Amino acid sequence: MALSCRHVWNHISEYIDNTLDPQVRAEVERHLATCEICSAIIDSTRNIIILMADERVFELPLDFSKRLHARLDEVLKHEDPEPLGMVPQ
């Protein structure tokens, strides 16, 4: 059975933590081999984990939070069921 992108997204944490059932992990890896979107999401998630583990403090630009929330609100108004309007494989 081929996994959908949404199924892969549900297993991102376990995949990164290497706690996924071996059969499911193999299915996720088969999907990642052909899906650039999910591969990018996995890579981005790993990068976020690395950044969050970094003890350095970064100062955000003035009004960053306000602009971020405004942008998120705008995107969510037009949200597709898939991220960024992309069609999963």
PDB file of N, CA and C in Angstrom:
ATOM      1  N   MET A   1       0.845  -1.179   0.000  1.00  0.00           N
ATOM      2  CA  MET A   1       0.000   0.000   0.000  1.00  0.00           C
ATOM      3  C   MET A   1       0.893   1.246   0.000  1.00  0.00           C
ATOM      4  N   ALA A   2       0.642   2.171  -0.908  1.00  0.00           N
ATOM      5  CA  ALA A   2       1.390   3.426  -0.965  1.00  0.00           C
ATOM      6  C   ALA A   2       0.803   4.412   0.039  1.00  0.00           C
ATOM      7  N   LEU A   3       1.676   5.077   0.760  1.00  0.00           N
ATOM      8  CA  LEU A   3       1.224   6.049   1.747  1.00  0.00           C
ATOM      9  C   LEU A   3       0.924   7.383   1.085  1.00  0.00           C
ATOM     10  N   SER A   4      -0.063   8.069   1.624  1.00  0.00           N
ATOM     11  CA  SER A   4      -0.355   9.434   1.178  1.00  0.00           C
ATOM     12  C   SER A   4       0.547  10.394   1.947  1.00  0.00           C
ATOM     13  N   CYS A   5       0.630  11.619   1.447  1.00  0.00           N
ATOM     14  CA  CYS A   5       1.413  12.640   2.152  1.00  0.00           C
ATOM     15  C   CYS A   5       0.892  12.832   3.577  1.00  0.00           C
ATOM     16  N   ARG A   6      -0.402  12.917   3.726  1.00  0.00           N
ATOM     17  CA  ARG A   6      -0.975  13.122   5.081  1.00  0.00           C
ATOM     18  C   ARG A   6      -0.575  12.000   6.033  1.00  0.00           C
ATOM     19  N   HIS A   7      -0.533  10.765   5.527  1.00  0.00           N
ATOM     20  CA  HIS A   7      -0.135   9.637   6.374  1.00  0.00           C
ATOM     21  C   HIS A   7       1.324   9.819   6.806  1.00  0.00           C
ATOM     22  N   VAL A   8       2.176  10.235   5.876  1.00  0.00           N
ATOM     23  CA  VAL A   8       3.576  10.478   6.196  1.00  0.00           C
ATOM     24  C   VAL A   8       3.689  11.585   7.238  1.00  0.00           C
ATOM     25  N   TRP A   9       2.937  12.675   7.060  1.00  0.00           N
ATOM     26  CA  TRP A   9       2.990  13.795   8.002  1.00  0.00           C
ATOM     27  C   TRP A   9       2.617  13.355   9.408  1.00  0.00           C
ATOM     28  N   ASN A  10       1.700  12.394   9.517  1.00  0.00           N
ATOM     29  CA  ASN A  10       1.292  11.900  10.834  1.00  0.00           C
ATOM     30  C   ASN A  10       2.410  11.144  11.541  1.00  0.00           C
ATOM     31  N   HIS A  11       3.422  10.719  10.786  1.00  0.00           N
ATOM     32  CA  HIS A  11       4.508   9.909  11.359  1.00  0.00           C
ATOM     33  C   HIS A  11       5.852  10.625  11.376  1.00  0.00           C
ATOM     34  N   ILE A  12       5.859  11.950  11.162  1.00  0.00           N
ATOM     35  CA  ILE A  12       7.126  12.682  11.094  1.00  0.00           C
ATOM     36  C   ILE A  12       7.940  12.513  12.380  1.00  0.00           C
ATOM     37  N   SER A  13       7.324  12.700  13.528  1.00  0.00           N
ATOM     38  CA  SER A  13       8.069  12.622  14.793  1.00  0.00           C
ATOM     39  C   SER A  13       8.693  11.254  14.993  1.00  0.00           C
ATOM     40  N   GLU A  14       7.890  10.224  14.792  1.00  0.00           N
ATOM     41  CA  GLU A  14       8.416   8.863  14.983  1.00  0.00           C
ATOM     42  C   GLU A  14       9.499   8.549  13.953  1.00  0.00           C
ATOM     43  N   TYR A  15       9.331   9.050  12.731  1.00  0.00           N
ATOM     44  CA  TYR A  15      10.339   8.818  11.695  1.00  0.00           C
ATOM     45  C   TYR A  15      11.668   9.461  12.092  1.00  0.00           C
ATOM     46  N   ILE A  16      11.615  10.714  12.500  1.00  0.00           N
ATOM     47  CA  ILE A  16      12.838  11.427  12.891  1.00  0.00           C
ATOM     48  C   ILE A  16      13.459  10.805  14.134  1.00  0.00           C
ATOM     49  N   ASP A  17      12.624  10.378  15.081  1.00  0.00           N
ATOM     50  CA  ASP A  17      13.115   9.769  16.323  1.00  0.00           C
ATOM     51  C   ASP A  17      13.536   8.309  16.136  1.00  0.00           C
ATOM     52  N   ASN A  18      13.298   7.779  14.935  1.00  0.00           N
ATOM     53  CA  ASN A  18      13.616   6.382  14.617  1.00  0.00           C
ATOM     54  C   ASN A  18      12.885   5.401  15.542  1.00  0.00           C
ATOM     55  N   THR A  19      11.613   5.721  15.847  1.00  0.00           N
ATOM     56  CA  THR A  19      10.806   4.842  16.700  1.00  0.00           C
ATOM     57  C   THR A  19       9.629   4.236  15.931  1.00  0.00           C
ATOM     58  N   LEU A  20       9.617   4.431  14.633  1.00  0.00           N
ATOM     59  CA  LEU A  20       8.536   3.949  13.785  1.00  0.00           C
ATOM     60  C   LEU A  20       8.681   2.445  13.564  1.00  0.00           C
ATOM     61  N   ASP A  21       7.562   1.753  13.522  1.00  0.00           N
ATOM     62  CA  ASP A  21       7.558   0.335  13.188  1.00  0.00           C
ATOM     63  C   ASP A  21       8.357   0.141  11.890  1.00  0.00           C
ATOM     64  N   PRO A  22       9.235  -0.860  11.816  1.00  0.00           N
ATOM     65  CA  PRO A  22      10.088  -1.036  10.638  1.00  0.00           C
ATOM     66  C   PRO A  22       9.322  -1.112   9.313  1.00  0.00           C
ATOM     67  N   GLN A  23       8.163  -1.748   9.307  1.00  0.00           N
ATOM     68  CA  GLN A  23       7.384  -1.851   8.075  1.00  0.00           C
ATOM     69  C   GLN A  23       6.851  -0.478   7.654  1.00  0.00           C
ATOM     70  N   VAL A  24       6.323   0.282   8.615  1.00  0.00           N
ATOM     71  CA  VAL A  24       5.813   1.620   8.321  1.00  0.00           C
ATOM     72  C   VAL A  24       6.965   2.527   7.900  1.00  0.00           C
ATOM     73  N   ARG A  25       8.114   2.398   8.571  1.00  0.00           N
ATOM     74  CA  ARG A  25       9.288   3.204   8.214  1.00  0.00           C
ATOM     75  C   ARG A  25       9.693   2.946   6.762  1.00  0.00           C
ATOM     76  N   ALA A  26       9.681   1.687   6.356  1.00  0.00           N
ATOM     77  CA  ALA A  26      10.039   1.344   4.972  1.00  0.00           C
ATOM     78  C   ALA A  26       9.048   1.976   3.993  1.00  0.00           C
ATOM     79  N   GLU A  27       7.758   1.982   4.349  1.00  0.00           N
ATOM     80  CA  GLU A  27       6.743   2.600   3.490  1.00  0.00           C
ATOM     81  C   GLU A  27       6.957   4.115   3.415  1.00  0.00           C
ATOM     82  N   VAL A  28       7.287   4.740   4.549  1.00  0.00           N
ATOM     83  CA  VAL A  28       7.559   6.176   4.575  1.00  0.00           C
ATOM     84  C   VAL A  28       8.771   6.479   3.691  1.00  0.00           C
ATOM     85  N   GLU A  29       9.815   5.676   3.796  1.00  0.00           N
ATOM     86  CA  GLU A  29      11.018   5.904   2.995  1.00  0.00           C
ATOM     87  C   GLU A  29      10.749   5.728   1.504  1.00  0.00           C
ATOM     88  N   ARG A  30       9.894   4.776   1.136  1.00  0.00           N
ATOM     89  CA  ARG A  30       9.514   4.619  -0.275  1.00  0.00           C
ATOM     90  C   ARG A  30       8.789   5.881  -0.763  1.00  0.00           C
ATOM     91  N   HIS A  31       7.915   6.411   0.075  1.00  0.00           N
ATOM     92  CA  HIS A  31       7.187   7.629  -0.289  1.00  0.00           C
ATOM     93  C   HIS A  31       8.162   8.803  -0.424  1.00  0.00           C
ATOM     94  N   LEU A  32       9.075   8.943   0.529  1.00  0.00           N
ATOM     95  CA  LEU A  32      10.028  10.049   0.512  1.00  0.00           C
ATOM     96  C   LEU A  32      10.945   9.995  -0.705  1.00  0.00           C
ATOM     97  N   ALA A  33      11.194   8.809  -1.215  1.00  0.00           N
ATOM     98  CA  ALA A  33      12.067   8.666  -2.379  1.00  0.00           C
ATOM     99  C   ALA A  33      11.472   9.322  -3.625  1.00  0.00           C
ATOM    100  N   THR A  34      10.135   9.493  -3.643  1.00  0.00           N
ATOM    101  CA  THR A  34       9.487  10.050  -4.835  1.00  0.00           C
ATOM    102  C   THR A  34       8.729  11.351  -4.570  1.00  0.00           C
ATOM    103  N   CYS A  35       8.653  11.772  -3.318  1.00  0.00           N
ATOM    104  CA  CYS A  35       7.859  12.963  -2.990  1.00  0.00           C
ATOM    105  C   CYS A  35       8.760  14.076  -2.455  1.00  0.00           C
ATOM    106  N   GLU A  36       8.985  15.078  -3.286  1.00  0.00           N
ATOM    107  CA  GLU A  36       9.841  16.194  -2.890  1.00  0.00           C
ATOM    108  C   GLU A  36       9.226  17.007  -1.761  1.00  0.00           C
ATOM    109  N   ILE A  37       7.906  17.120  -1.758  1.00  0.00           N
ATOM    110  CA  ILE A  37       7.229  17.910  -0.723  1.00  0.00           C
ATOM    111  C   ILE A  37       7.466  17.297   0.651  1.00  0.00           C
ATOM    112  N   CYS A  38       7.201  16.015   0.786  1.00  0.00           N
ATOM    113  CA  CYS A  38       7.381  15.363   2.083  1.00  0.00           C
ATOM    114  C   CYS A  38       8.849  15.321   2.496  1.00  0.00           C
ATOM    115  N   SER A  39       9.743  15.122   1.534  1.00  0.00           N
ATOM    116  CA  SER A  39      11.174  15.145   1.842  1.00  0.00           C
ATOM    117  C   SER A  39      11.575  16.507   2.392  1.00  0.00           C
ATOM    118  N   ALA A  40      11.059  17.566   1.790  1.00  0.00           N
ATOM    119  CA  ALA A  40      11.358  18.921   2.265  1.00  0.00           C
ATOM    120  C   ALA A  40      10.787  19.148   3.656  1.00  0.00           C
ATOM    121  N   ILE A  41       9.591  18.633   3.912  1.00  0.00           N
ATOM    122  CA  ILE A  41       8.984  18.790   5.243  1.00  0.00           C
ATOM    123  C   ILE A  41       9.815  18.072   6.301  1.00  0.00           C
ATOM    124  N   ILE A  42      10.275  16.865   5.986  1.00  0.00           N
ATOM    125  CA  ILE A  42      11.122  16.114   6.925  1.00  0.00           C
ATOM    126  C   ILE A  42      12.417  16.894   7.187  1.00  0.00           C
ATOM    127  N   ASP A  43      13.062  17.374   6.120  1.00  0.00           N
ATOM    128  CA  ASP A  43      14.309  18.135   6.279  1.00  0.00           C
ATOM    129  C   ASP A  43      14.080  19.401   7.098  1.00  0.00           C
ATOM    130  N   SER A  44      12.988  20.108   6.824  1.00  0.00           N
ATOM    131  CA  SER A  44      12.678  21.332   7.558  1.00  0.00           C
ATOM    132  C   SER A  44      12.423  21.039   9.030  1.00  0.00           C
ATOM    133  N   THR A  45      11.720  19.964   9.307  1.00  0.00           N
ATOM    134  CA  THR A  45      11.436  19.586  10.692  1.00  0.00           C
ATOM    135  C   THR A  45      12.735  19.273  11.431  1.00  0.00           C
ATOM    136  N   ARG A  46      13.631  18.543  10.768  1.00  0.00           N
ATOM    137  CA  ARG A  46      14.932  18.254  11.385  1.00  0.00           C
ATOM    138  C   ARG A  46      15.685  19.554  11.681  1.00  0.00           C
ATOM    139  N   ASN A  47      15.655  20.483  10.732  1.00  0.00           N
ATOM    140  CA  ASN A  47      16.345  21.762  10.933  1.00  0.00           C
ATOM    141  C   ASN A  47      15.756  22.544  12.107  1.00  0.00           C
ATOM    142  N   ILE A  48      14.437  22.517  12.240  1.00  0.00           N
ATOM    143  CA  ILE A  48      13.785  23.202  13.357  1.00  0.00           C
ATOM    144  C   ILE A  48      14.226  22.589  14.684  1.00  0.00           C
ATOM    145  N   ILE A  49      14.303  21.269  14.721  1.00  0.00           N
ATOM    146  CA  ILE A  49      14.739  20.583  15.948  1.00  0.00           C
ATOM    147  C   ILE A  49      16.160  21.004  16.309  1.00  0.00           C
ATOM    148  N   ILE A  50      17.025  21.077  15.304  1.00  0.00           N
ATOM    149  CA  ILE A  50      18.409  21.492  15.537  1.00  0.00           C
ATOM    150  C   ILE A  50      18.451  22.925  16.057  1.00  0.00           C
ATOM    151  N   LEU A  51      17.685  23.814  15.429  1.00  0.00           N
ATOM    152  CA  LEU A  51      17.663  25.211  15.871  1.00  0.00           C
ATOM    153  C   LEU A  51      17.110  25.351  17.282  1.00  0.00           C
ATOM    154  N   MET A  52      16.080  24.592  17.600  1.00  0.00           N
ATOM    155  CA  MET A  52      15.474  24.687  18.932  1.00  0.00           C
ATOM    156  C   MET A  52      16.415  24.160  20.012  1.00  0.00           C
ATOM    157  N   ALA A  53      17.280  23.231  19.646  1.00  0.00           N
ATOM    158  CA  ALA A  53      18.229  22.678  20.611  1.00  0.00           C
ATOM    159  C   ALA A  53      19.413  23.613  20.838  1.00  0.00           C
ATOM    160  N   ASP A  54      19.572  24.589  19.953  1.00  0.00           N
ATOM    161  CA  ASP A  54      20.652  25.558  20.067  1.00  0.00           C
ATOM    162  C   ASP A  54      20.340  26.506  21.224  1.00  0.00           C
ATOM    163  N   GLU A  55      21.286  26.654  22.135  1.00  0.00           N
ATOM    164  CA  GLU A  55      21.037  27.465  23.323  1.00  0.00           C
ATOM    165  C   GLU A  55      21.223  28.963  23.094  1.00  0.00           C
ATOM    166  N   ARG A  56      21.722  29.337  21.917  1.00  0.00           N
ATOM    167  CA  ARG A  56      21.905  30.758  21.646  1.00  0.00           C
ATOM    168  C   ARG A  56      20.536  31.436  21.515  1.00  0.00           C
ATOM    169  N   VAL A  57      20.496  32.697  21.821  1.00  0.00           N
ATOM    170  CA  VAL A  57      19.265  33.473  21.732  1.00  0.00           C
ATOM    171  C   VAL A  57      19.365  34.390  20.513  1.00  0.00           C
ATOM    172  N   PHE A  58      18.329  34.377  19.711  1.00  0.00           N
ATOM    173  CA  PHE A  58      18.287  35.228  18.536  1.00  0.00           C
ATOM    174  C   PHE A  58      17.213  36.286  18.747  1.00  0.00           C
ATOM    175  N   GLU A  59      17.574  37.511  18.491  1.00  0.00           N
ATOM    176  CA  GLU A  59      16.614  38.596  18.630  1.00  0.00           C
ATOM    177  C   GLU A  59      15.857  38.757  17.317  1.00  0.00           C
ATOM    178  N   LEU A  60      14.540  38.703  17.395  1.00  0.00           N
ATOM    179  CA  LEU A  60      13.704  38.846  16.212  1.00  0.00           C
ATOM    180  C   LEU A  60      13.497  40.312  15.878  1.00  0.00           C
ATOM    181  N   PRO A  61      13.268  40.597  14.598  1.00  0.00           N
ATOM    182  CA  PRO A  61      13.018  41.984  14.200  1.00  0.00           C
ATOM    183  C   PRO A  61      11.771  42.541  14.896  1.00  0.00           C
ATOM    184  N   LEU A  62      11.745  43.848  15.019  1.00  0.00           N
ATOM    185  CA  LEU A  62      10.615  44.547  15.613  1.00  0.00           C
ATOM    186  C   LEU A  62       9.327  44.181  14.879  1.00  0.00           C
ATOM    187  N   ASP A  63       8.245  43.936  15.572  1.00  0.00           N
ATOM    188  CA  ASP A  63       6.937  43.584  15.018  1.00  0.00           C
ATOM    189  C   ASP A  63       6.906  42.244  14.282  1.00  0.00           C
ATOM    190  N   PHE A  64       7.913  41.407  14.492  1.00  0.00           N
ATOM    191  CA  PHE A  64       7.954  40.119  13.794  1.00  0.00           C
ATOM    192  C   PHE A  64       6.710  39.288  14.103  1.00  0.00           C
ATOM    193  N   SER A  65       6.357  39.181  15.362  1.00  0.00           N
ATOM    194  CA  SER A  65       5.212  38.368  15.762  1.00  0.00           C
ATOM    195  C   SER A  65       3.916  38.869  15.119  1.00  0.00           C
ATOM    196  N   LYS A  66       3.739  40.174  15.127  1.00  0.00           N
ATOM    197  CA  LYS A  66       2.536  40.772  14.537  1.00  0.00           C
ATOM    198  C   LYS A  66       2.462  40.463  13.039  1.00  0.00           C
ATOM    199  N   ARG A  67       3.586  40.626  12.330  1.00  0.00           N
ATOM    200  CA  ARG A  67       3.606  40.355  10.884  1.00  0.00           C
ATOM    201  C   ARG A  67       3.417  38.872  10.600  1.00  0.00           C
ATOM    202  N   LEU A  68       4.016  38.029  11.433  1.00  0.00           N
ATOM    203  CA  LEU A  68       3.864  36.582  11.259  1.00  0.00           C
ATOM    204  C   LEU A  68       2.405  36.173  11.393  1.00  0.00           C
ATOM    205  N   HIS A  69       1.748  36.640  12.431  1.00  0.00           N
ATOM    206  CA  HIS A  69       0.342  36.291  12.647  1.00  0.00           C
ATOM    207  C   HIS A  69      -0.551  36.835  11.541  1.00  0.00           C
ATOM    208  N   ALA A  70      -0.268  38.022  11.071  1.00  0.00           N
ATOM    209  CA  ALA A  70      -1.055  38.583   9.957  1.00  0.00           C
ATOM    210  C   ALA A  70      -0.895  37.726   8.710  1.00  0.00           C
ATOM    211  N   ARG A  71       0.335  37.313   8.449  1.00  0.00           N
ATOM    212  CA  ARG A  71       0.587  36.470   7.264  1.00  0.00           C
ATOM    213  C   ARG A  71      -0.084  35.110   7.413  1.00  0.00           C
ATOM    214  N   LEU A  72       0.004  34.507   8.575  1.00  0.00           N
ATOM    215  CA  LEU A  72      -0.657  33.220   8.817  1.00  0.00           C
ATOM    216  C   LEU A  72      -2.169  33.344   8.647  1.00  0.00           C
ATOM    217  N   ASP A  73      -2.748  34.411   9.185  1.00  0.00           N
ATOM    218  CA  ASP A  73      -4.190  34.632   9.027  1.00  0.00           C
ATOM    219  C   ASP A  73      -4.566  34.716   7.559  1.00  0.00           C
ATOM    220  N   GLU A  74      -3.766  35.408   6.781  1.00  0.00           N
ATOM    221  CA  GLU A  74      -4.038  35.562   5.349  1.00  0.00           C
ATOM    222  C   GLU A  74      -3.953  34.215   4.627  1.00  0.00           C
ATOM    223  N   VAL A  75      -2.939  33.452   4.933  1.00  0.00           N
ATOM    224  CA  VAL A  75      -2.769  32.152   4.293  1.00  0.00           C
ATOM    225  C   VAL A  75      -3.908  31.215   4.683  1.00  0.00           C
ATOM    226  N   LEU A  76      -4.281  31.214   5.950  1.00  0.00           N
ATOM    227  CA  LEU A  76      -5.321  30.304   6.420  1.00  0.00           C
ATOM    228  C   LEU A  76      -6.695  30.634   5.836  1.00  0.00           C
ATOM    229  N   LYS A  77      -6.917  31.872   5.452  1.00  0.00           N
ATOM    230  CA  LYS A  77      -8.185  32.242   4.813  1.00  0.00           C
ATOM    231  C   LYS A  77      -8.362  31.498   3.497  1.00  0.00           C
ATOM    232  N   HIS A  78      -7.263  31.228   2.832  1.00  0.00           N
ATOM    233  CA  HIS A  78      -7.292  30.603   1.515  1.00  0.00           C
ATOM    234  C   HIS A  78      -6.687  29.210   1.549  1.00  0.00           C
ATOM    235  N   GLU A  79      -6.695  28.585   2.712  1.00  0.00           N
ATOM    236  CA  GLU A  79      -6.004  27.310   2.897  1.00  0.00           C
ATOM    237  C   GLU A  79      -6.592  26.199   2.045  1.00  0.00           C
ATOM    238  N   ASP A  80      -5.703  25.475   1.370  1.00  0.00           N
ATOM    239  CA  ASP A  80      -6.046  24.241   0.674  1.00  0.00           C
ATOM    240  C   ASP A  80      -5.830  23.105   1.657  1.00  0.00           C
ATOM    241  N   PRO A  81      -6.376  21.925   1.366  1.00  0.00           N
ATOM    242  CA  PRO A  81      -6.160  20.802   2.277  1.00  0.00           C
ATOM    243  C   PRO A  81      -4.702  20.345   2.305  1.00  0.00           C
ATOM    244  N   GLU A  82      -3.914  20.705   1.292  1.00  0.00           N
ATOM    245  CA  GLU A  82      -2.501  20.339   1.234  1.00  0.00           C
ATOM    246  C   GLU A  82      -1.665  21.592   1.490  1.00  0.00           C
ATOM    247  N   PRO A  83      -0.427  21.439   2.017  1.00  0.00           N
ATOM    248  CA  PRO A  83       0.383  22.614   2.309  1.00  0.00           C
ATOM    249  C   PRO A  83       0.742  23.374   1.035  1.00  0.00           C
ATOM    250  N   LEU A  84       0.659  24.674   1.129  1.00  0.00           N
ATOM    251  CA  LEU A  84       1.030  25.570   0.041  1.00  0.00           C
ATOM    252  C   LEU A  84       0.294  25.275  -1.257  1.00  0.00           C
ATOM    253  N   GLY A  85      -0.869  24.621  -1.160  1.00  0.00           N
ATOM    254  CA  GLY A  85      -1.665  24.348  -2.353  1.00  0.00           C
ATOM    255  C   GLY A  85      -1.089  23.284  -3.244  1.00  0.00           C
ATOM    256  N   MET A  86      -0.086  22.543  -2.768  1.00  0.00           N
ATOM    257  CA  MET A  86       0.549  21.517  -3.589  1.00  0.00           C
ATOM    258  C   MET A  86      -0.234  20.218  -3.487  1.00  0.00           C
ATOM    259  N   VAL A  87      -0.244  19.465  -4.544  1.00  0.00           N
ATOM    260  CA  VAL A  87      -0.975  18.206  -4.584  1.00  0.00           C
ATOM    261  C   VAL A  87      -0.040  17.078  -4.170  1.00  0.00           C
ATOM    262  N   PRO A  88      -0.435  16.276  -3.181  1.00  0.00           N
ATOM    263  CA  PRO A  88       0.429  15.181  -2.724  1.00  0.00           C
ATOM    264  C   PRO A  88       0.455  14.061  -3.747  1.00  0.00           C
ATOM    265  N   GLN A  89       1.490  13.258  -3.653  1.00  0.00           N
ATOM    266  CA  GLN A  89       1.599  12.084  -4.524  1.00  0.00           C
ATOM    267  C   GLN A  89       0.927  10.902  -3.902  1.00  0.00           C
TER     268      GLN A  89
END
